[in-house]
Amino acid sequence: MGAKTAEIPNEYLNILRNYGGRVTLIVTTLLQRLHVSGRIYSPRQMKDELSETLNCNIGFPTIYRAIDRLMQCRLMHRMHRDDEQAMFFLCRHPDHEHHHHFICTICRRVFEIDMCLAHQYESHVSRDLEASVTKHIMQLEGVCKGCR
């Protein structure tokens, strides 16, 4: 699996360019890897795979800079885990304001859910608690069709 930017949807590259800065080989290779696999990755897994793919030793500071850049562009999200281990995944539709994710706990694939029921909760919070919601995070986990 090479580091060809041609394998990355142009939408991702345009988003990176619109947020400014250089579109580096590390970032494009990481994007390509996340796009092809559709799975969650730890920073260590990213480091190991990129080092192998690019045939060089990539340090954690470089990995975390790439993660930060992709998160700023809304191309990457952090998985919320009980054990607090950092795991990240590609957001396939960063232009969709509101959507959530289902993560298979066996194969670690990420599926986007293009719907949100948060407005029902927000109405309840506003009406019954007299408060306002400024942010919400919903992550569904389970076993996908392919792993059942």
Protein backbone atom coordinates (compact mmCIF):
# COMPACT_ATOMS: atom_id res chain seq x y z
CA MET A 1 0.00 0.00 0.00
CA GLY A 2 1.78 3.11 -1.21
CA ALA A 3 1.55 6.74 -0.22
CA LYS A 4 -0.10 7.90 -3.43
CA THR A 5 -2.34 10.91 -2.98
CA ALA A 6 -4.38 9.67 -5.97
CA GLU A 7 -5.87 7.02 -3.68
CA ILE A 8 -7.21 9.71 -1.36
CA PRO A 9 -10.52 11.32 -2.29
CA ASN A 10 -9.97 14.87 -3.55
CA GLU A 11 -12.49 16.05 -0.95
CA TYR A 12 -10.00 15.23 1.83
CA LEU A 13 -7.12 17.00 0.10
CA ASN A 14 -9.28 20.07 -0.56
CA ILE A 15 -10.27 20.22 3.09
CA LEU A 16 -6.62 20.00 4.14
CA ARG A 17 -5.68 22.79 1.73
CA ASN A 18 -8.57 24.98 2.86
CA TYR A 19 -7.36 24.76 6.45
CA GLY A 20 -3.95 26.03 5.32
CA GLY A 21 -0.52 24.61 5.73
CA ARG A 22 1.30 22.01 3.70
CA VAL A 23 -0.18 18.72 2.59
CA THR A 24 2.67 16.48 3.73
CA LEU A 25 3.56 12.92 2.80
CA ILE A 26 2.95 11.81 6.41
CA VAL A 27 -0.56 13.30 6.51
CA THR A 28 -1.54 12.02 3.07
CA THR A 29 -0.18 8.54 3.81
CA LEU A 30 -2.06 8.44 7.11
CA LEU A 31 -5.25 9.63 5.40
CA GLN A 32 -4.85 7.02 2.69
CA ARG A 33 -4.32 4.25 5.26
CA LEU A 34 -7.33 5.30 7.34
CA HIS A 35 -9.50 5.66 4.23
CA VAL A 36 -8.64 2.21 2.87
CA SER A 37 -8.97 0.35 6.17
CA GLY A 38 -12.00 2.14 7.64
CA ARG A 39 -10.80 1.09 11.11
CA ILE A 40 -9.76 2.70 14.37
CA TYR A 41 -6.05 3.11 15.12
CA SER A 42 -3.94 3.94 18.14
CA PRO A 43 -1.04 6.37 17.69
CA ARG A 44 1.36 3.42 18.05
CA GLN A 45 -0.39 1.52 15.25
CA MET A 46 -0.25 4.64 13.07
CA LYS A 47 3.45 5.07 13.82
CA ASP A 48 4.25 1.42 13.07
CA GLU A 49 2.24 1.30 9.82
CA LEU A 50 3.55 4.61 8.52
CA SER A 51 7.14 3.72 9.40
CA GLU A 52 6.76 0.45 7.50
CA THR A 53 4.91 1.99 4.54
CA LEU A 54 7.37 4.87 4.14
CA ASN A 55 10.38 2.74 5.06
CA CYS A 56 11.66 5.14 7.71
CA ASN A 57 11.39 5.65 11.46
CA ILE A 58 8.61 8.10 12.24
CA GLY A 59 8.47 9.51 15.76
CA PHE A 60 5.46 10.04 17.98
CA PRO A 61 5.71 13.86 17.78
CA THR A 62 5.23 13.59 14.01
CA ILE A 63 2.26 11.25 14.48
CA TYR A 64 0.62 13.56 17.02
CA ARG A 65 1.13 16.59 14.75
CA ALA A 66 -0.59 14.68 11.93
CA ILE A 67 -3.43 13.67 14.28
CA ASP A 68 -3.84 17.27 15.46
CA ARG A 69 -3.91 18.53 11.89
CA LEU A 70 -6.52 15.99 10.80
CA MET A 71 -8.65 16.66 13.88
CA GLN A 72 -8.54 20.42 13.27
CA CYS A 73 -9.81 19.77 9.74
CA ARG A 74 -12.53 17.47 11.16
CA LEU A 75 -11.16 14.61 9.08
CA MET A 76 -10.32 12.54 12.16
CA HIS A 77 -12.18 11.84 15.38
CA ARG A 78 -11.08 10.39 18.68
CA MET A 79 -12.91 7.31 19.89
CA HIS A 80 -14.21 7.62 23.43
CA ARG A 81 -13.13 4.57 25.40
CA ASP A 82 -13.62 3.45 28.98
CA ASP A 83 -9.93 2.60 29.31
CA GLU A 84 -8.97 6.08 28.05
CA GLN A 85 -6.59 4.63 25.43
CA ALA A 86 -6.37 7.07 22.54
CA MET A 87 -7.89 5.59 19.39
CA PHE A 88 -8.68 7.56 16.24
CA PHE A 89 -10.65 7.10 13.04
CA LEU A 90 -11.31 8.87 9.77
CA CYS A 91 -14.50 10.85 9.39
CA ARG A 92 -15.71 10.07 5.89
CA HIS A 93 -18.13 13.02 5.75
CA PRO A 94 -16.51 15.94 7.58
CA ASP A 95 -18.82 18.34 5.76
CA HIS A 96 -21.90 16.80 7.42
CA GLU A 97 -22.55 18.94 10.43
CA HIS A 98 -24.30 16.24 12.39
CA HIS A 99 -23.69 12.51 12.32
CA HIS A 100 -22.50 9.78 14.62
CA HIS A 101 -20.47 6.59 14.40
CA PHE A 102 -20.92 2.88 15.04
CA ILE A 103 -17.69 1.04 15.83
CA CYS A 104 -17.45 -2.74 15.61
CA THR A 105 -15.66 -4.03 18.70
CA ILE A 106 -14.38 -7.09 16.83
CA CYS A 107 -13.04 -5.90 13.46
CA ARG A 108 -12.69 -2.24 14.59
CA ARG A 109 -14.39 -0.90 11.45
CA VAL A 110 -16.16 2.43 11.70
CA PHE A 111 -19.57 3.04 10.13
CA GLU A 112 -21.11 6.50 9.89
CA ILE A 113 -24.70 7.01 10.98
CA ASP A 114 -26.14 9.93 9.07
CA MET A 115 -28.83 10.81 11.56
CA CYS A 116 -29.02 12.39 14.97
CA LEU A 117 -31.70 12.24 17.61
CA ALA A 118 -30.00 14.79 19.84
CA HIS A 119 -32.63 17.45 19.12
CA GLN A 120 -35.09 15.39 21.20
CA TYR A 121 -32.66 15.43 24.13
CA GLU A 122 -31.94 19.13 23.59
CA SER A 123 -35.67 19.91 23.77
CA HIS A 124 -35.93 17.99 27.04
CA VAL A 125 -32.87 19.73 28.49
CA SER A 126 -34.17 23.14 27.45
CA ARG A 127 -37.74 22.60 28.60
CA ASP A 128 -37.34 20.46 31.73
CA LEU A 129 -33.90 21.44 32.97
CA GLU A 130 -33.94 25.03 31.73
CA ALA A 131 -30.42 24.53 30.40
CA SER A 132 -28.84 24.58 26.97
CA VAL A 133 -26.78 21.93 25.22
CA THR A 134 -23.56 23.23 23.70
CA LYS A 135 -22.08 19.91 22.65
CA HIS A 136 -22.91 16.24 22.57
CA ILE A 137 -21.03 13.08 21.69
CA MET A 138 -22.71 9.84 20.73
CA GLN A 139 -20.76 6.75 19.88
CA LEU A 140 -22.37 3.38 19.33
CA GLU A 141 -20.36 0.19 19.69
CA GLY A 142 -21.27 -3.39 18.96
CA VAL A 143 -20.73 -6.20 16.48
CA CYS A 144 -21.15 -5.48 12.76
CA LYS A 145 -22.93 -7.73 10.27
CA GLY A 146 -19.64 -9.13 8.95
CA CYS A 147 -18.47 -10.23 12.41
CA ARG A 148 -21.73 -11.77 13.65
